[in-house]
């Protein structure tokens, strides 16, 4: 998977034992995530070791239980999706970003939450999604790029036409085709889309 460019993120484990990061998190190709609580303190049973890269919220996380219930869960399996989500977000903004580049951005922008610098309980700290996005310094998509494919063309114009009229409840359900933000898709939005037109 690593050779194919897959960014892998895994839970460090819940053994509480030093030098006991569990597989697959222990492998160098995998970003290993420990868990911290709401005060950024390591959760008592979070596995520790030199392989830990980061720590994220892993205490009393509201999640699914089985296939039909929800409740509060604890552990590194609750923490690792936070980091995986940030990695996915970075790749969505820069599709060809490599595993190493993702790790470097996360390291550079992480909040150091334990002893200064790297430590075996929380790695480089808690990743900061907003800081990581800003570190990429990417141009945001133009407002007229409604399908976010990098161009403003007939497809975007078609999306706008399908959404024509009142958007309904814009607070609860934003309308992407409402480029000017007035809760109505109309000729003004067509004009704004045409300003962004790249064909």
N, C-alpha and C. Protein backbone atom coordinates (compact mmCIF):
# COMPACT_ATOMS: atom_id res chain seq x y z
N UNK A 1 0.83 -1.19 0.00
CA UNK A 1 0.00 0.00 0.00
C UNK A 1 0.87 1.25 0.00
N UNK A 2 1.90 1.25 0.81
CA UNK A 2 2.79 2.42 0.86
C UNK A 2 3.44 2.65 -0.49
N UNK A 3 3.88 1.59 -1.14
CA UNK A 3 4.53 1.71 -2.45
C UNK A 3 3.57 2.27 -3.50
N UNK A 4 2.28 2.09 -3.30
CA UNK A 4 1.28 2.61 -4.23
C UNK A 4 0.81 4.01 -3.85
N UNK A 5 1.42 4.59 -2.83
CA UNK A 5 1.11 5.96 -2.45
C UNK A 5 -0.01 6.11 -1.45
N UNK A 6 -0.45 5.02 -0.84
CA UNK A 6 -1.53 5.09 0.15
C UNK A 6 -0.97 5.65 1.46
N UNK A 7 -1.64 6.66 2.00
CA UNK A 7 -1.26 7.22 3.30
C UNK A 7 -1.98 6.39 4.36
N UNK A 8 -1.22 5.69 5.17
CA UNK A 8 -1.79 4.78 6.16
C UNK A 8 -1.69 5.38 7.56
N UNK A 9 -2.79 5.29 8.29
CA UNK A 9 -2.86 5.80 9.66
C UNK A 9 -3.45 4.69 10.52
N UNK A 10 -2.86 4.44 11.69
CA UNK A 10 -3.37 3.36 12.54
C UNK A 10 -3.27 3.72 14.02
N UNK A 11 -4.10 3.08 14.79
CA UNK A 11 -4.12 3.24 16.25
C UNK A 11 -2.87 2.61 16.85
N UNK A 12 -2.26 3.28 17.84
CA UNK A 12 -1.05 2.75 18.46
C UNK A 12 -1.33 1.55 19.35
N UNK A 13 -2.56 1.41 19.81
CA UNK A 13 -2.92 0.30 20.69
C UNK A 13 -3.28 0.79 22.08
N UNK A 14 -3.87 -0.10 22.85
CA UNK A 14 -4.37 0.26 24.18
C UNK A 14 -3.81 -0.66 25.26
N UNK A 15 -2.50 -0.87 25.22
CA UNK A 15 -1.88 -1.78 26.19
C UNK A 15 -1.32 -1.05 27.41
N UNK A 16 -1.14 0.25 27.31
CA UNK A 16 -0.54 1.11 28.32
C UNK A 16 0.93 0.79 28.60
N UNK A 17 1.50 -0.13 27.86
CA UNK A 17 2.88 -0.58 28.12
C UNK A 17 3.86 0.25 27.30
N UNK A 18 4.96 0.74 27.90
CA UNK A 18 5.98 1.43 27.14
C UNK A 18 6.58 0.51 26.08
N UNK A 19 7.02 1.08 24.98
CA UNK A 19 7.63 0.33 23.88
C UNK A 19 6.73 -0.81 23.40
N UNK A 20 5.43 -0.53 23.25
CA UNK A 20 4.51 -1.58 22.85
C UNK A 20 3.48 -1.08 21.83
N UNK A 21 3.94 -0.28 20.87
CA UNK A 21 3.03 0.17 19.81
C UNK A 21 2.67 -1.06 18.97
N UNK A 22 1.38 -1.23 18.75
CA UNK A 22 0.86 -2.42 18.07
C UNK A 22 0.95 -2.29 16.55
N UNK A 23 0.99 -3.45 15.89
CA UNK A 23 0.94 -3.48 14.43
C UNK A 23 -0.48 -3.18 13.99
N UNK A 24 -0.68 -2.51 12.89
CA UNK A 24 0.33 -2.04 11.93
C UNK A 24 0.95 -0.69 12.26
N UNK A 25 0.52 -0.05 13.33
CA UNK A 25 1.03 1.29 13.66
C UNK A 25 2.54 1.28 13.90
N UNK A 26 3.09 0.17 14.30
CA UNK A 26 4.52 0.12 14.62
C UNK A 26 5.42 0.17 13.39
N UNK A 27 4.84 -0.06 12.20
CA UNK A 27 5.64 -0.05 10.97
C UNK A 27 5.95 1.38 10.54
N UNK A 28 7.17 1.62 10.02
CA UNK A 28 7.56 2.99 9.67
C UNK A 28 6.71 3.62 8.57
N UNK A 29 6.05 2.81 7.76
CA UNK A 29 5.23 3.34 6.67
C UNK A 29 3.86 3.82 7.15
N UNK A 30 3.57 3.63 8.43
CA UNK A 30 2.24 3.93 8.97
C UNK A 30 2.36 5.07 9.99
N UNK A 31 1.41 5.99 9.94
CA UNK A 31 1.34 7.07 10.92
C UNK A 31 0.65 6.51 12.16
N UNK A 32 1.37 6.45 13.28
CA UNK A 32 0.85 5.85 14.52
C UNK A 32 0.25 6.94 15.41
N UNK A 33 -0.97 6.67 15.90
CA UNK A 33 -1.69 7.68 16.68
C UNK A 33 -2.02 7.17 18.08
N UNK A 34 -1.59 7.90 19.08
CA UNK A 34 -1.93 7.63 20.49
C UNK A 34 -3.17 8.43 20.84
N UNK A 35 -3.70 8.22 22.04
CA UNK A 35 -4.92 8.94 22.42
C UNK A 35 -4.68 9.84 23.63
N UNK A 36 -5.37 10.99 23.60
CA UNK A 36 -5.35 11.93 24.71
C UNK A 36 -6.79 12.26 25.10
N UNK A 37 -6.93 12.81 26.30
CA UNK A 37 -8.27 13.17 26.78
C UNK A 37 -8.55 14.64 26.49
N UNK A 38 -9.61 15.16 27.09
CA UNK A 38 -10.02 16.54 26.82
C UNK A 38 -9.11 17.59 27.46
N UNK A 39 -8.09 17.16 28.19
CA UNK A 39 -7.09 18.10 28.72
C UNK A 39 -5.74 17.91 28.03
N UNK A 40 -5.73 17.16 26.93
CA UNK A 40 -4.52 16.84 26.17
C UNK A 40 -3.54 15.99 26.97
N UNK A 41 -4.03 15.25 27.96
CA UNK A 41 -3.19 14.31 28.70
C UNK A 41 -3.34 12.93 28.07
N UNK A 42 -2.24 12.18 28.03
CA UNK A 42 -2.30 10.84 27.45
C UNK A 42 -3.30 10.00 28.22
N UNK A 43 -4.16 9.31 27.47
CA UNK A 43 -5.10 8.39 28.10
C UNK A 43 -4.29 7.24 28.69
N UNK A 44 -4.62 6.84 29.90
CA UNK A 44 -3.79 5.91 30.68
C UNK A 44 -3.41 4.63 29.94
N UNK A 45 -4.27 4.12 29.06
CA UNK A 45 -3.96 2.84 28.43
C UNK A 45 -3.41 2.98 27.02
N UNK A 46 -3.15 4.18 26.57
CA UNK A 46 -2.63 4.40 25.22
C UNK A 46 -1.22 3.83 25.12
N UNK A 47 -0.99 2.98 24.12
CA UNK A 47 0.33 2.38 23.95
C UNK A 47 1.37 3.45 23.64
N UNK A 48 2.57 3.23 24.14
CA UNK A 48 3.66 4.19 24.02
C UNK A 48 4.81 3.59 23.23
N UNK A 49 5.66 4.45 22.70
CA UNK A 49 6.84 3.95 22.03
C UNK A 49 7.38 4.94 21.02
N UNK A 50 8.58 4.66 20.53
CA UNK A 50 9.24 5.54 19.57
C UNK A 50 8.47 5.64 18.26
N UNK A 51 7.58 4.68 18.00
CA UNK A 51 6.82 4.69 16.75
C UNK A 51 5.64 5.65 16.77
N UNK A 52 5.24 6.14 17.94
CA UNK A 52 4.09 7.06 18.03
C UNK A 52 4.45 8.35 17.30
N UNK A 53 3.59 8.73 16.36
CA UNK A 53 3.82 9.97 15.60
C UNK A 53 3.02 11.14 16.16
N UNK A 54 1.75 10.88 16.50
CA UNK A 54 0.86 11.95 16.95
C UNK A 54 -0.11 11.42 17.99
N UNK A 55 -0.83 12.32 18.61
CA UNK A 55 -1.89 11.96 19.55
C UNK A 55 -3.13 12.77 19.18
N UNK A 56 -4.30 12.18 19.40
CA UNK A 56 -5.55 12.87 19.09
C UNK A 56 -6.60 12.44 20.11
N UNK A 57 -7.76 13.11 20.04
CA UNK A 57 -8.83 12.83 20.98
C UNK A 57 -9.24 11.36 20.94
N UNK A 58 -9.12 10.70 22.08
CA UNK A 58 -9.47 9.29 22.15
C UNK A 58 -10.19 8.94 23.44
N UNK A 59 -10.80 9.93 24.05
CA UNK A 59 -11.48 9.73 25.34
C UNK A 59 -12.89 10.29 25.24
N UNK A 60 -13.87 9.43 25.49
CA UNK A 60 -15.28 9.83 25.46
C UNK A 60 -15.66 10.46 24.10
N UNK A 61 -15.30 9.74 23.03
CA UNK A 61 -15.64 10.17 21.67
C UNK A 61 -16.97 9.52 21.29
N UNK A 62 -17.93 10.32 20.88
CA UNK A 62 -19.24 9.80 20.50
C UNK A 62 -19.10 9.09 19.16
N UNK A 63 -19.46 7.81 19.14
CA UNK A 63 -19.21 6.99 17.97
C UNK A 63 -20.26 5.90 17.86
N UNK A 64 -20.17 5.14 16.78
CA UNK A 64 -21.09 4.01 16.60
C UNK A 64 -20.66 2.85 17.50
N UNK A 65 -21.67 2.10 17.93
CA UNK A 65 -21.43 0.87 18.69
C UNK A 65 -22.19 -0.23 17.94
N UNK A 66 -21.45 -1.15 17.37
CA UNK A 66 -22.10 -2.16 16.55
C UNK A 66 -22.71 -1.53 15.31
N UNK A 67 -23.86 -2.04 14.90
CA UNK A 67 -24.49 -1.54 13.68
C UNK A 67 -25.75 -0.72 13.92
N UNK A 68 -26.16 -0.58 15.18
CA UNK A 68 -27.43 0.10 15.40
C UNK A 68 -27.47 1.04 16.60
N UNK A 69 -26.32 1.28 17.23
CA UNK A 69 -26.32 2.13 18.41
C UNK A 69 -25.18 3.14 18.35
N UNK A 70 -25.29 4.15 19.19
CA UNK A 70 -24.24 5.15 19.34
C UNK A 70 -23.95 5.33 20.82
N UNK A 71 -22.72 5.69 21.13
CA UNK A 71 -22.34 5.91 22.51
C UNK A 71 -20.92 6.44 22.59
N UNK A 72 -20.44 6.63 23.80
CA UNK A 72 -19.10 7.17 24.01
C UNK A 72 -18.09 6.04 24.06
N UNK A 73 -17.03 6.21 23.29
CA UNK A 73 -15.98 5.19 23.18
C UNK A 73 -14.63 5.81 23.57
N UNK A 74 -13.72 4.96 24.02
CA UNK A 74 -12.38 5.37 24.39
C UNK A 74 -11.35 4.54 23.64
N UNK A 75 -10.16 5.10 23.45
CA UNK A 75 -9.07 4.32 22.90
C UNK A 75 -8.43 4.95 21.67
N UNK A 76 -7.34 4.35 21.28
CA UNK A 76 -6.60 4.87 20.13
C UNK A 76 -7.36 4.64 18.82
N UNK A 77 -8.28 3.70 18.80
CA UNK A 77 -9.12 3.53 17.60
C UNK A 77 -10.07 4.71 17.43
N UNK A 78 -10.34 5.42 18.48
CA UNK A 78 -11.14 6.65 18.37
C UNK A 78 -10.26 7.82 17.96
N UNK A 79 -8.97 7.76 18.29
CA UNK A 79 -8.05 8.86 18.00
C UNK A 79 -7.54 8.85 16.56
N UNK A 80 -7.23 7.69 16.05
CA UNK A 80 -6.60 7.63 14.72
C UNK A 80 -7.46 8.21 13.60
N UNK A 81 -8.81 8.09 13.62
CA UNK A 81 -9.58 8.70 12.53
C UNK A 81 -9.44 10.22 12.45
N UNK A 82 -9.14 10.88 13.55
CA UNK A 82 -8.93 12.34 13.50
C UNK A 82 -7.73 12.66 12.60
N UNK A 83 -6.67 11.90 12.77
CA UNK A 83 -5.46 12.13 11.98
C UNK A 83 -5.67 11.66 10.55
N UNK A 84 -6.34 10.53 10.35
CA UNK A 84 -6.63 10.05 9.00
C UNK A 84 -7.47 11.08 8.24
N UNK A 85 -8.43 11.70 8.94
CA UNK A 85 -9.26 12.71 8.31
C UNK A 85 -8.46 13.91 7.85
N UNK A 86 -7.50 14.34 8.66
CA UNK A 86 -6.67 15.48 8.27
C UNK A 86 -5.80 15.09 7.07
N UNK A 87 -5.25 13.88 7.09
CA UNK A 87 -4.44 13.41 5.96
C UNK A 87 -5.27 13.39 4.67
N UNK A 88 -6.51 12.93 4.76
CA UNK A 88 -7.40 12.92 3.59
C UNK A 88 -7.71 14.33 3.13
N UNK A 89 -7.92 15.22 4.06
CA UNK A 89 -8.19 16.61 3.71
C UNK A 89 -7.00 17.22 2.97
N UNK A 90 -5.79 16.95 3.45
CA UNK A 90 -4.60 17.48 2.78
C UNK A 90 -4.47 16.91 1.37
N UNK A 91 -4.75 15.62 1.22
CA UNK A 91 -4.67 15.01 -0.11
C UNK A 91 -5.77 15.53 -1.02
N UNK A 92 -6.93 15.88 -0.46
CA UNK A 92 -7.99 16.43 -1.31
C UNK A 92 -7.60 17.79 -1.86
N UNK A 93 -6.78 18.52 -1.12
CA UNK A 93 -6.33 19.84 -1.56
C UNK A 93 -5.11 19.76 -2.49
N UNK A 94 -4.26 18.76 -2.25
CA UNK A 94 -3.07 18.54 -3.08
C UNK A 94 -3.03 17.04 -3.41
N UNK A 95 -3.71 16.63 -4.48
CA UNK A 95 -3.87 15.20 -4.77
C UNK A 95 -2.58 14.40 -4.90
N UNK A 96 -1.49 15.04 -5.30
CA UNK A 96 -0.25 14.29 -5.46
C UNK A 96 0.68 14.40 -4.25
N UNK A 97 0.18 14.89 -3.12
CA UNK A 97 1.01 14.98 -1.92
C UNK A 97 1.40 13.58 -1.46
N UNK A 98 2.65 13.41 -1.10
CA UNK A 98 3.14 12.09 -0.70
C UNK A 98 2.93 11.84 0.79
N UNK A 99 3.12 10.60 1.17
CA UNK A 99 3.05 10.21 2.58
C UNK A 99 4.01 11.07 3.41
N UNK A 100 5.27 11.16 2.96
CA UNK A 100 6.27 11.91 3.71
C UNK A 100 5.92 13.38 3.80
N UNK A 101 5.37 13.94 2.72
CA UNK A 101 4.98 15.35 2.76
C UNK A 101 3.83 15.58 3.74
N UNK A 102 2.87 14.65 3.79
CA UNK A 102 1.78 14.75 4.76
C UNK A 102 2.34 14.72 6.17
N UNK A 103 3.22 13.76 6.44
CA UNK A 103 3.81 13.65 7.78
C UNK A 103 4.55 14.93 8.14
N UNK A 104 5.32 15.47 7.21
CA UNK A 104 6.08 16.68 7.49
C UNK A 104 5.17 17.87 7.80
N UNK A 105 4.08 18.01 7.02
CA UNK A 105 3.14 19.10 7.29
C UNK A 105 2.51 18.92 8.66
N UNK A 106 2.13 17.68 8.99
CA UNK A 106 1.52 17.42 10.30
C UNK A 106 2.49 17.71 11.44
N UNK A 107 3.76 17.33 11.25
CA UNK A 107 4.77 17.60 12.29
C UNK A 107 4.96 19.10 12.47
N UNK A 108 5.10 19.82 11.36
CA UNK A 108 5.36 21.26 11.42
C UNK A 108 4.22 22.04 12.07
N UNK A 109 3.01 21.53 11.97
CA UNK A 109 1.85 22.29 12.43
C UNK A 109 1.19 21.71 13.68
N UNK A 110 1.72 20.60 14.20
CA UNK A 110 1.12 19.96 15.38
C UNK A 110 1.29 20.83 16.62
N UNK A 111 0.33 20.72 17.52
CA UNK A 111 0.40 21.40 18.80
C UNK A 111 1.17 20.49 19.76
N UNK A 112 2.31 20.95 20.24
CA UNK A 112 3.11 20.15 21.17
C UNK A 112 2.40 20.14 22.52
N UNK A 113 1.96 18.97 22.97
CA UNK A 113 1.09 18.93 24.15
C UNK A 113 1.71 18.26 25.37
N UNK A 114 2.89 17.70 25.23
CA UNK A 114 3.53 17.07 26.39
C UNK A 114 4.89 17.74 26.60
N UNK A 115 5.91 16.95 26.92
CA UNK A 115 7.23 17.54 27.09
C UNK A 115 7.68 18.14 25.75
N UNK A 116 8.48 19.20 25.79
CA UNK A 116 8.86 19.88 24.54
C UNK A 116 9.51 18.92 23.54
N UNK A 117 9.07 19.03 22.29
CA UNK A 117 9.61 18.17 21.24
C UNK A 117 8.93 16.81 21.22
N UNK A 118 9.53 15.91 20.48
CA UNK A 118 8.98 14.56 20.34
C UNK A 118 9.04 13.81 21.67
N UNK A 119 7.99 13.05 21.96
CA UNK A 119 8.02 12.14 23.11
C UNK A 119 7.27 10.87 22.74
N UNK A 120 7.52 9.80 23.47
CA UNK A 120 6.97 8.49 23.14
C UNK A 120 5.52 8.30 23.57
N UNK A 121 4.93 9.27 24.24
CA UNK A 121 3.53 9.18 24.66
C UNK A 121 2.61 9.87 23.66
N UNK A 122 3.04 11.03 23.14
CA UNK A 122 2.19 11.80 22.23
C UNK A 122 2.87 12.14 20.91
N UNK A 123 4.03 11.58 20.65
CA UNK A 123 4.74 11.84 19.40
C UNK A 123 5.09 13.30 19.26
N UNK A 124 4.72 13.87 18.10
CA UNK A 124 4.99 15.29 17.85
C UNK A 124 3.87 16.18 18.36
N UNK A 125 2.82 15.58 18.91
CA UNK A 125 1.73 16.36 19.47
C UNK A 125 0.41 16.09 18.78
N UNK A 126 -0.53 17.02 18.98
CA UNK A 126 -1.88 16.89 18.41
C UNK A 126 -1.95 17.65 17.09
N UNK A 127 -2.27 16.96 15.98
CA UNK A 127 -2.36 17.65 14.69
C UNK A 127 -3.40 18.77 14.71
N UNK A 128 -3.09 19.83 14.01
CA UNK A 128 -3.95 20.99 13.90
C UNK A 128 -4.39 21.11 12.45
N UNK A 129 -5.64 20.74 12.16
CA UNK A 129 -6.13 20.69 10.77
C UNK A 129 -6.02 22.04 10.08
N UNK A 130 -6.46 23.10 10.76
CA UNK A 130 -6.45 24.42 10.13
C UNK A 130 -5.03 24.87 9.82
N UNK A 131 -4.12 24.67 10.76
CA UNK A 131 -2.72 25.06 10.53
C UNK A 131 -2.11 24.24 9.39
N UNK A 132 -2.48 22.96 9.31
CA UNK A 132 -1.95 22.10 8.24
C UNK A 132 -2.45 22.58 6.88
N UNK A 133 -3.72 22.93 6.80
CA UNK A 133 -4.28 23.44 5.54
C UNK A 133 -3.57 24.73 5.14
N UNK A 134 -3.39 25.62 6.10
CA UNK A 134 -2.71 26.89 5.79
C UNK A 134 -1.27 26.67 5.35
N UNK A 135 -0.62 25.66 5.92
CA UNK A 135 0.78 25.38 5.57
C UNK A 135 0.91 24.94 4.11
N UNK A 136 -0.15 24.35 3.56
CA UNK A 136 -0.09 23.93 2.15
C UNK A 136 -0.09 25.12 1.21
N UNK A 137 -0.67 26.24 1.66
CA UNK A 137 -0.70 27.47 0.88
C UNK A 137 -1.27 27.23 -0.52
N UNK A 138 -2.44 26.58 -0.57
CA UNK A 138 -3.08 26.29 -1.85
C UNK A 138 -4.14 27.35 -2.15
N UNK A 139 -4.36 27.58 -3.42
CA UNK A 139 -5.41 28.50 -3.84
C UNK A 139 -6.76 27.84 -3.62
N UNK A 140 -7.71 28.51 -2.98
CA UNK A 140 -9.04 27.93 -2.84
C UNK A 140 -9.72 27.85 -4.20
N UNK A 141 -10.66 26.92 -4.36
CA UNK A 141 -11.36 26.83 -5.64
C UNK A 141 -12.16 28.11 -5.88
N UNK A 142 -12.31 28.45 -7.14
CA UNK A 142 -13.10 29.64 -7.45
C UNK A 142 -14.57 29.35 -7.14
N UNK A 143 -15.34 30.37 -6.74
CA UNK A 143 -16.74 30.15 -6.36
C UNK A 143 -17.57 29.51 -7.46
N UNK A 144 -17.22 29.77 -8.73
CA UNK A 144 -17.98 29.19 -9.82
C UNK A 144 -17.69 27.74 -10.10
N UNK A 145 -16.66 27.17 -9.47
CA UNK A 145 -16.31 25.76 -9.68
C UNK A 145 -17.19 24.91 -8.76
N UNK A 146 -18.43 24.73 -9.16
CA UNK A 146 -19.42 24.08 -8.30
C UNK A 146 -19.16 22.60 -8.07
N UNK A 147 -18.54 21.91 -9.03
CA UNK A 147 -18.25 20.48 -8.83
C UNK A 147 -16.80 20.25 -8.39
N UNK A 148 -16.07 21.33 -8.12
CA UNK A 148 -14.71 21.28 -7.57
C UNK A 148 -13.76 20.42 -8.39
N UNK A 149 -13.87 20.52 -9.73
CA UNK A 149 -12.95 19.74 -10.58
C UNK A 149 -11.81 20.59 -11.12
N UNK A 150 -11.70 21.84 -10.67
CA UNK A 150 -10.60 22.70 -11.07
C UNK A 150 -10.88 23.58 -12.27
N UNK A 151 -12.03 23.40 -12.91
CA UNK A 151 -12.40 24.25 -14.05
C UNK A 151 -13.84 24.71 -13.87
N UNK A 152 -14.13 25.87 -14.42
CA UNK A 152 -15.50 26.38 -14.43
C UNK A 152 -15.97 26.29 -15.88
N UNK A 153 -16.93 25.38 -16.10
CA UNK A 153 -17.35 25.11 -17.47
C UNK A 153 -18.85 24.79 -17.52
N UNK A 154 -19.26 24.18 -18.60
CA UNK A 154 -20.67 23.86 -18.80
C UNK A 154 -21.26 22.96 -17.74
N UNK A 155 -20.45 22.09 -17.17
CA UNK A 155 -20.95 21.22 -16.10
C UNK A 155 -21.38 22.06 -14.90
N UNK A 156 -20.57 23.03 -14.54
CA UNK A 156 -20.92 23.92 -13.43
C UNK A 156 -22.17 24.74 -13.77
N UNK A 157 -22.26 25.18 -15.01
CA UNK A 157 -23.43 25.94 -15.44
C UNK A 157 -24.69 25.07 -15.32
N UNK A 158 -24.57 23.79 -15.70
CA UNK A 158 -25.70 22.87 -15.57
C UNK A 158 -26.10 22.67 -14.12
N UNK A 159 -25.14 22.55 -13.24
CA UNK A 159 -25.43 22.42 -11.80
C UNK A 159 -26.19 23.64 -11.30
N UNK A 160 -25.75 24.81 -11.76
CA UNK A 160 -26.42 26.05 -11.35
C UNK A 160 -27.87 26.07 -11.84
N UNK A 161 -28.09 25.67 -13.08
CA UNK A 161 -29.44 25.69 -13.64
C UNK A 161 -30.38 24.72 -12.91
N UNK A 162 -29.86 23.55 -12.54
CA UNK A 162 -30.67 22.57 -11.80
C UNK A 162 -31.10 23.14 -10.45
N UNK A 163 -30.24 23.95 -9.85
CA UNK A 163 -30.54 24.52 -8.51
C UNK A 163 -31.32 25.83 -8.60
N UNK A 164 -31.71 26.26 -9.77
CA UNK A 164 -32.35 27.58 -9.98
C UNK A 164 -33.53 27.80 -9.05
N UNK A 165 -33.59 28.97 -8.46
CA UNK A 165 -34.70 29.35 -7.60
C UNK A 165 -34.26 29.48 -6.15
N UNK A 166 -35.25 29.46 -5.27
CA UNK A 166 -34.98 29.60 -3.84
C UNK A 166 -34.25 28.37 -3.31
N UNK A 167 -33.29 28.62 -2.42
CA UNK A 167 -32.49 27.52 -1.86
C UNK A 167 -33.15 26.88 -0.64
N UNK A 168 -34.21 27.42 -0.13
CA UNK A 168 -34.82 26.86 1.07
C UNK A 168 -34.12 27.38 2.31
N UNK A 169 -33.81 26.49 3.22
CA UNK A 169 -33.16 26.85 4.48
C UNK A 169 -31.64 26.89 4.30
N UNK A 170 -31.10 28.04 3.99
CA UNK A 170 -29.66 28.16 3.71
C UNK A 170 -28.80 27.96 4.95
N UNK A 171 -29.36 28.18 6.12
CA UNK A 171 -28.59 27.99 7.35
C UNK A 171 -28.32 26.51 7.59
N UNK A 172 -29.34 25.69 7.40
CA UNK A 172 -29.21 24.25 7.65
C UNK A 172 -28.67 23.49 6.46
N UNK A 173 -28.99 23.93 5.25
CA UNK A 173 -28.62 23.21 4.04
C UNK A 173 -28.09 24.18 3.00
N UNK A 174 -26.80 24.54 3.08
CA UNK A 174 -26.24 25.52 2.15
C UNK A 174 -26.41 25.07 0.69
N UNK A 175 -26.56 26.03 -0.17
CA UNK A 175 -26.79 25.79 -1.59
C UNK A 175 -25.52 26.22 -2.35
N UNK A 176 -24.67 25.28 -2.81
CA UNK A 176 -23.41 25.65 -3.46
C UNK A 176 -23.59 26.53 -4.69
N UNK A 177 -24.71 26.38 -5.42
CA UNK A 177 -24.94 27.18 -6.63
C UNK A 177 -25.29 28.63 -6.30
N UNK A 178 -25.59 28.93 -5.05
CA UNK A 178 -25.90 30.30 -4.62
C UNK A 178 -24.59 31.03 -4.37
N UNK A 179 -23.95 31.45 -5.44
CA UNK A 179 -22.60 32.00 -5.37
C UNK A 179 -22.55 33.30 -4.58
N UNK A 180 -23.59 34.14 -4.70
CA UNK A 180 -23.56 35.42 -3.98
C UNK A 180 -24.10 35.32 -2.56
N UNK A 181 -24.60 34.15 -2.15
CA UNK A 181 -24.99 33.92 -0.76
C UNK A 181 -26.29 34.56 -0.34
N UNK A 182 -27.20 34.86 -1.28
CA UNK A 182 -28.46 35.48 -0.88
C UNK A 182 -29.62 34.49 -0.79
N UNK A 183 -29.33 33.21 -0.87
CA UNK A 183 -30.30 32.13 -0.71
C UNK A 183 -31.22 31.97 -1.93
N UNK A 184 -30.82 32.55 -3.06
CA UNK A 184 -31.57 32.40 -4.31
C UNK A 184 -30.56 32.19 -5.44
N UNK A 185 -30.78 31.17 -6.23
CA UNK A 185 -29.94 30.96 -7.42
C UNK A 185 -30.65 31.65 -8.57
N UNK A 186 -29.99 32.70 -9.12
CA UNK A 186 -30.62 33.48 -10.18
C UNK A 186 -29.56 34.03 -11.14
N UNK A 187 -29.94 35.02 -11.92
CA UNK A 187 -29.05 35.58 -12.92
C UNK A 187 -27.77 36.17 -12.36
N UNK A 188 -27.82 36.69 -11.16
CA UNK A 188 -26.59 37.22 -10.54
C UNK A 188 -25.56 36.11 -10.38
N UNK A 189 -26.04 34.93 -9.95
CA UNK A 189 -25.12 33.80 -9.79
C UNK A 189 -24.58 33.35 -11.15
N UNK A 190 -25.41 33.42 -12.20
CA UNK A 190 -24.92 33.10 -13.55
C UNK A 190 -23.79 34.05 -13.92
N UNK A 191 -23.98 35.34 -13.67
CA UNK A 191 -22.95 36.31 -13.97
C UNK A 191 -21.66 36.04 -13.21
N UNK A 192 -21.77 35.72 -11.95
CA UNK A 192 -20.58 35.41 -11.14
C UNK A 192 -19.88 34.15 -11.63
N UNK A 193 -20.65 33.16 -12.05
CA UNK A 193 -20.07 31.94 -12.60
C UNK A 193 -19.32 32.26 -13.89
N UNK A 194 -19.90 33.10 -14.74
CA UNK A 194 -19.26 33.44 -16.00
C UNK A 194 -17.97 34.23 -15.79
N UNK A 195 -17.90 35.02 -14.73
CA UNK A 195 -16.66 35.73 -14.41
C UNK A 195 -15.52 34.75 -14.14
N UNK A 196 -15.87 33.58 -13.52
CA UNK A 196 -14.88 32.56 -13.19
C UNK A 196 -14.62 31.59 -14.34
N UNK A 197 -15.34 31.73 -15.42
CA UNK A 197 -15.34 30.75 -16.52
C UNK A 197 -13.93 30.46 -17.03
N UNK A 198 -13.57 29.18 -17.11
CA UNK A 198 -12.27 28.78 -17.69
C UNK A 198 -12.48 27.91 -18.91
N UNK A 199 -13.71 27.40 -19.08
CA UNK A 199 -14.06 26.59 -20.26
C UNK A 199 -13.44 25.26 -20.20
